[in-house]
Protein backbone atom coordinates (compact mmCIF):
# COMPACT_ATOMS: atom_id res chain seq x y z
CA UNK A 1 -19.47 -106.15 -89.67
CA UNK A 2 -22.04 -104.20 -91.71
CA UNK A 3 -22.09 -103.52 -95.43
CA UNK A 4 -23.80 -100.41 -96.79
CA UNK A 5 -25.67 -100.86 -100.11
CA UNK A 6 -27.28 -97.58 -101.11
CA UNK A 7 -29.37 -96.52 -98.13
CA UNK A 8 -29.59 -100.07 -96.74
CA UNK A 9 -27.26 -101.58 -94.17
CA UNK A 10 -26.77 -105.33 -94.55
CA UNK A 11 -24.89 -107.62 -92.16
CA UNK A 12 -21.80 -108.87 -94.00
CA UNK A 13 -21.68 -112.63 -94.29
CA UNK A 14 -18.55 -114.67 -93.82
CA UNK A 15 -19.01 -116.27 -97.23
CA UNK A 16 -18.58 -114.18 -100.33
CA UNK A 17 -21.59 -114.34 -102.66
CA UNK A 18 -21.25 -113.26 -106.28
CA UNK A 19 -24.21 -112.60 -108.57
CA UNK A 20 -23.23 -113.09 -112.21
CA UNK A 21 -25.26 -113.89 -115.32
CA UNK A 22 -28.40 -114.55 -113.32
CA UNK A 23 -26.73 -117.07 -111.00
CA UNK A 24 -25.40 -116.85 -107.48
CA UNK A 25 -22.01 -118.27 -106.58
CA UNK A 26 -20.66 -118.65 -103.07
CA UNK A 27 -17.19 -118.95 -101.58
CA UNK A 28 -18.69 -121.45 -99.17
CA UNK A 29 -16.46 -124.57 -99.31
CA UNK A 30 -19.52 -126.65 -100.22
CA UNK A 31 -20.18 -124.16 -103.02
CA UNK A 32 -23.95 -124.18 -102.74
CA UNK A 33 -26.49 -121.66 -101.58
CA UNK A 34 -29.66 -122.85 -99.89
CA UNK A 35 -33.04 -121.61 -101.13
CA UNK A 36 -33.70 -119.65 -97.93
CA UNK A 37 -30.30 -117.95 -98.23
CA UNK A 38 -30.95 -117.22 -101.92
CA UNK A 39 -34.33 -115.61 -101.16
CA UNK A 40 -32.70 -113.56 -98.41
CA UNK A 41 -29.97 -112.32 -100.78
CA UNK A 42 -32.41 -111.51 -103.59
CA UNK A 43 -34.70 -109.60 -101.22
CA UNK A 44 -31.72 -107.49 -100.17
CA UNK A 45 -30.61 -106.55 -103.69
CA UNK A 46 -34.06 -105.84 -105.13
CA UNK A 47 -35.20 -102.24 -104.98
CA UNK A 48 -38.81 -101.44 -104.23
CA UNK A 49 -40.55 -99.52 -107.03
CA UNK A 50 -41.05 -95.78 -106.60
CA UNK A 51 -44.68 -94.87 -106.13
CA UNK A 52 -45.44 -92.16 -108.67
CA UNK A 53 -48.63 -90.21 -108.13
CA UNK A 54 -50.30 -88.26 -110.90
CA UNK A 55 -47.77 -89.15 -113.61
CA UNK A 56 -49.23 -88.48 -117.06
CA UNK A 57 -49.11 -91.16 -119.76
CA UNK A 58 -46.67 -89.07 -121.83
CA UNK A 59 -44.31 -88.58 -118.89
CA UNK A 60 -44.57 -92.27 -118.00
CA UNK A 61 -43.77 -93.29 -121.59
CA UNK A 62 -40.73 -91.00 -121.62
CA UNK A 63 -39.46 -92.53 -118.39
CA UNK A 64 -40.09 -96.06 -119.65
CA UNK A 65 -38.14 -95.31 -122.85
CA UNK A 66 -35.15 -94.29 -120.74
CA UNK A 67 -35.50 -97.25 -118.38
CA UNK A 68 -35.77 -99.65 -121.33
CA UNK A 69 -32.60 -98.31 -122.96
CA UNK A 70 -30.35 -97.90 -119.92
CA UNK A 71 -30.50 -101.22 -118.08
CA UNK A 72 -26.81 -101.95 -117.70
CA UNK A 73 -26.73 -105.28 -119.53
CA UNK A 74 -26.46 -104.90 -123.30
CA UNK A 75 -28.65 -107.90 -124.17
CA UNK A 76 -31.52 -106.58 -122.07
CA UNK A 77 -30.95 -102.99 -123.29
CA UNK A 78 -31.30 -104.10 -126.91
CA UNK A 79 -34.28 -106.33 -126.32
CA UNK A 80 -36.30 -103.91 -124.18
CA UNK A 81 -35.44 -100.78 -126.18
CA UNK A 82 -36.54 -102.42 -129.46
CA UNK A 83 -39.68 -103.76 -127.75
CA UNK A 84 -40.48 -100.32 -126.31
CA UNK A 85 -39.89 -98.62 -129.68
CA UNK A 86 -42.42 -100.96 -131.28
CA UNK A 87 -45.14 -101.11 -128.61
CA UNK A 88 -44.87 -98.24 -126.11
CA UNK A 89 -46.83 -95.72 -128.22
CA UNK A 90 -49.92 -97.94 -128.36
CA UNK A 91 -49.93 -99.36 -124.82
CA UNK A 92 -52.90 -98.71 -122.57
CA UNK A 93 -52.43 -97.27 -119.08
CA UNK A 94 -52.80 -100.77 -117.60
CA UNK A 95 -50.15 -102.15 -119.97
CA UNK A 96 -47.83 -99.23 -119.19
CA UNK A 97 -48.13 -99.95 -115.46
CA UNK A 98 -47.48 -103.66 -116.03
CA UNK A 99 -44.41 -102.87 -118.16
CA UNK A 100 -43.25 -100.42 -115.51
CA UNK A 101 -43.45 -103.19 -112.89
CA UNK A 102 -41.54 -105.56 -115.16
CA UNK A 103 -38.67 -103.08 -115.44
CA UNK A 104 -38.09 -103.38 -111.68
CA UNK A 105 -37.07 -107.02 -112.11
CA UNK A 106 -33.43 -108.00 -112.45
CA UNK A 107 -31.97 -107.65 -115.96
CA UNK A 108 -30.91 -111.25 -116.45
CA UNK A 109 -34.26 -112.52 -115.18
CA UNK A 110 -36.11 -110.36 -117.71
CA UNK A 111 -33.80 -111.62 -120.46
CA UNK A 112 -34.24 -115.30 -119.55
CA UNK A 113 -38.02 -114.96 -119.18
CA UNK A 114 -38.31 -113.12 -122.51
CA UNK A 115 -36.23 -115.78 -124.28
CA UNK A 116 -38.11 -118.55 -122.42
CA UNK A 117 -34.92 -119.92 -120.90
CA UNK A 118 -36.70 -121.00 -117.72
CA UNK A 119 -33.91 -123.40 -116.82
CA UNK A 120 -31.64 -120.41 -116.12
CA UNK A 121 -34.35 -118.40 -114.35
CA UNK A 122 -37.80 -119.91 -113.75
CA UNK A 123 -40.58 -117.45 -114.41
CA UNK A 124 -42.45 -116.45 -111.25
CA UNK A 125 -46.21 -116.91 -111.04
CA UNK A 126 -46.76 -113.13 -111.17
CA UNK A 127 -45.44 -113.07 -114.76
CA UNK A 128 -46.78 -116.40 -116.12
CA UNK A 129 -50.09 -114.93 -117.32
CA UNK A 130 -48.83 -111.41 -117.94
CA UNK A 131 -50.06 -109.77 -121.14
CA UNK A 132 -46.83 -107.73 -121.40
CA UNK A 133 -44.62 -110.79 -120.80
CA UNK A 134 -46.43 -112.75 -123.53
CA UNK A 135 -46.04 -109.80 -125.90
CA UNK A 136 -42.34 -109.51 -125.01
CA UNK A 137 -41.81 -113.26 -125.52
CA UNK A 138 -43.53 -113.12 -128.93
CA UNK A 139 -41.38 -110.11 -129.87
CA UNK A 140 -38.24 -111.94 -128.73
CA UNK A 141 -38.97 -114.88 -131.05
CA UNK A 142 -38.15 -112.45 -133.89
CA UNK A 143 -40.13 -114.35 -136.50
CA UNK A 144 -39.22 -111.70 -139.11
CA UNK A 145 -35.52 -112.54 -138.48
CA UNK A 146 -34.59 -108.86 -138.18
CA UNK A 147 -31.29 -107.80 -136.68
CA UNK A 148 -32.09 -105.94 -133.48
CA UNK A 149 -30.21 -102.69 -133.02
CA UNK A 150 -30.61 -99.92 -130.50
CA UNK A 151 -33.47 -97.85 -131.97
CA UNK A 152 -33.10 -94.13 -132.59
CA UNK A 153 -35.06 -91.94 -130.19
CA UNK A 154 -37.41 -90.79 -132.96
CA UNK A 155 -38.76 -94.36 -133.14
CA UNK A 156 -40.46 -94.00 -129.75
């Protein structure tokens, strides 16, 4: 049997797999998912980034504002929208592209990496030395102890 996910057709497995809060759960009687099976599942649910050609910095910033605010998981929405409101205006083109790539990661992964909860989701090598990830992690520490709220659009 086949399962359609967007434009992709995926063979349906006999075991139900549920992705919740950054973890995968299986209806397999043993209850565990092997690493190879996990990588296979993740590769199927990740969406390849759109290649945008000739996008101006202003248009890119507008798109990144929207993508930072409308993630689907409130914790990540709040974190990324406040981060974008503070830093997006002053980012270089290279930083904008790096942030754009980060936004294609899964919401809970971004949240756990930003809060340095690597036990829940280990940070991949591609983000360990990332300038944007370090900036996001420093922002997430919230040393000023401010209450983070969804910023108004005029803050961008």
